[in-house]
């Protein structure tokens, strides 16, 4: 993560914000007193919140673990060729 002083952030606000939004990379802004804050695009923040929600949910994490297990052992759901045609729209 890149870091910038609050003065440079303020002086270049428009270009810095455009860079954060376009590159999808958060930016750490530091202040003289040592305090800092992070600038992140709204889309990236929402994705982070969704990830945190999944990671905090025991049932969702169990579903993921079960899915990995069945995939690893090839014991998961396997659609018929007709079902695959329907799924793929062929």
Protein backbone atom coordinates (compact mmCIF):
# COMPACT_ATOMS: atom_id res chain seq x y z
CA UNK A 1 0.00 0.00 0.00
CA UNK A 2 1.35 3.41 -0.94
CA UNK A 3 1.63 6.16 1.67
CA UNK A 4 1.25 9.92 1.21
CA UNK A 5 1.32 12.88 3.58
CA UNK A 6 -1.93 14.63 4.35
CA UNK A 7 -0.52 17.81 2.77
CA UNK A 8 0.21 16.06 -0.55
CA UNK A 9 -3.17 14.36 -0.33
CA UNK A 10 -4.94 17.69 0.14
CA UNK A 11 -2.93 19.41 -2.61
CA UNK A 12 -3.59 16.62 -5.12
CA UNK A 13 -6.99 15.44 -3.94
CA UNK A 14 -8.63 14.95 -7.33
CA UNK A 15 -5.77 13.01 -8.94
CA UNK A 16 -5.11 10.95 -5.82
CA UNK A 17 -8.76 9.92 -5.51
CA UNK A 18 -8.92 9.04 -9.20
CA UNK A 19 -5.82 6.88 -8.78
CA UNK A 20 -7.31 5.05 -5.78
CA UNK A 21 -10.56 4.40 -7.65
CA UNK A 22 -8.97 3.39 -10.96
CA UNK A 23 -6.18 1.19 -9.55
CA UNK A 24 -8.35 -0.40 -6.86
CA UNK A 25 -5.54 0.06 -4.36
CA UNK A 26 -6.05 1.70 -0.97
CA UNK A 27 -3.85 4.63 0.02
CA UNK A 28 -2.52 5.38 3.51
CA UNK A 29 -2.56 9.09 4.37
CA UNK A 30 -0.32 10.11 7.27
CA UNK A 31 -0.58 13.18 9.47
CA UNK A 32 2.18 15.00 11.35
CA UNK A 33 0.89 13.80 14.69
CA UNK A 34 1.45 10.24 13.50
CA UNK A 35 -2.21 9.48 13.01
CA UNK A 36 -3.14 7.96 9.68
CA UNK A 37 -6.22 7.05 7.67
CA UNK A 38 -6.92 4.91 4.64
CA UNK A 39 -8.58 6.04 1.42
CA UNK A 40 -10.35 3.24 -0.46
CA UNK A 41 -12.93 3.25 -3.26
CA UNK A 42 -16.52 2.52 -2.34
CA UNK A 43 -16.59 -0.59 -4.57
CA UNK A 44 -13.45 -1.98 -2.95
CA UNK A 45 -14.80 -1.23 0.53
CA UNK A 46 -18.06 -3.06 -0.24
CA UNK A 47 -16.12 -6.09 -1.53
CA UNK A 48 -14.03 -6.09 1.65
CA UNK A 49 -17.20 -5.99 3.75
CA UNK A 50 -18.64 -8.95 1.84
CA UNK A 51 -15.43 -10.91 2.37
CA UNK A 52 -15.46 -10.14 6.08
CA UNK A 53 -19.10 -11.25 6.27
CA UNK A 54 -18.26 -14.62 4.68
CA UNK A 55 -15.20 -15.12 6.88
CA UNK A 56 -17.21 -14.37 10.04
CA UNK A 57 -20.01 -16.77 9.11
CA UNK A 58 -19.39 -20.29 10.41
CA UNK A 59 -22.05 -21.77 8.14
CA UNK A 60 -20.67 -20.13 4.97
CA UNK A 61 -17.12 -21.16 5.86
CA UNK A 62 -18.36 -24.73 6.45
CA UNK A 63 -20.05 -24.73 3.03
CA UNK A 64 -16.79 -23.61 1.44
CA UNK A 65 -14.81 -26.29 3.30
CA UNK A 66 -17.34 -28.97 2.31
CA UNK A 67 -17.21 -27.83 -1.30
CA UNK A 68 -13.41 -27.96 -1.35
CA UNK A 69 -13.51 -31.45 0.16
CA UNK A 70 -15.97 -32.83 -2.38
CA UNK A 71 -14.10 -31.17 -5.24
CA UNK A 72 -10.76 -32.57 -4.06
CA UNK A 73 -12.16 -36.09 -3.90
CA UNK A 74 -14.34 -35.78 -7.00
CA UNK A 75 -17.42 -36.71 -5.01
CA UNK A 76 -19.45 -33.56 -5.61
CA UNK A 77 -22.46 -33.08 -7.81
CA UNK A 78 -21.87 -34.07 -11.42
CA UNK A 79 -24.62 -33.06 -13.83
CA UNK A 80 -25.61 -35.30 -16.72
CA UNK A 81 -24.71 -34.21 -20.24
CA UNK A 82 -28.32 -33.09 -20.74
CA UNK A 83 -28.15 -30.97 -17.60
CA UNK A 84 -24.84 -29.50 -18.73
CA UNK A 85 -26.43 -28.57 -22.07
CA UNK A 86 -29.23 -26.84 -20.19
CA UNK A 87 -26.82 -25.07 -17.86
CA UNK A 88 -24.58 -23.83 -20.66
CA UNK A 89 -27.46 -23.04 -23.00
CA UNK A 90 -26.27 -25.35 -25.78
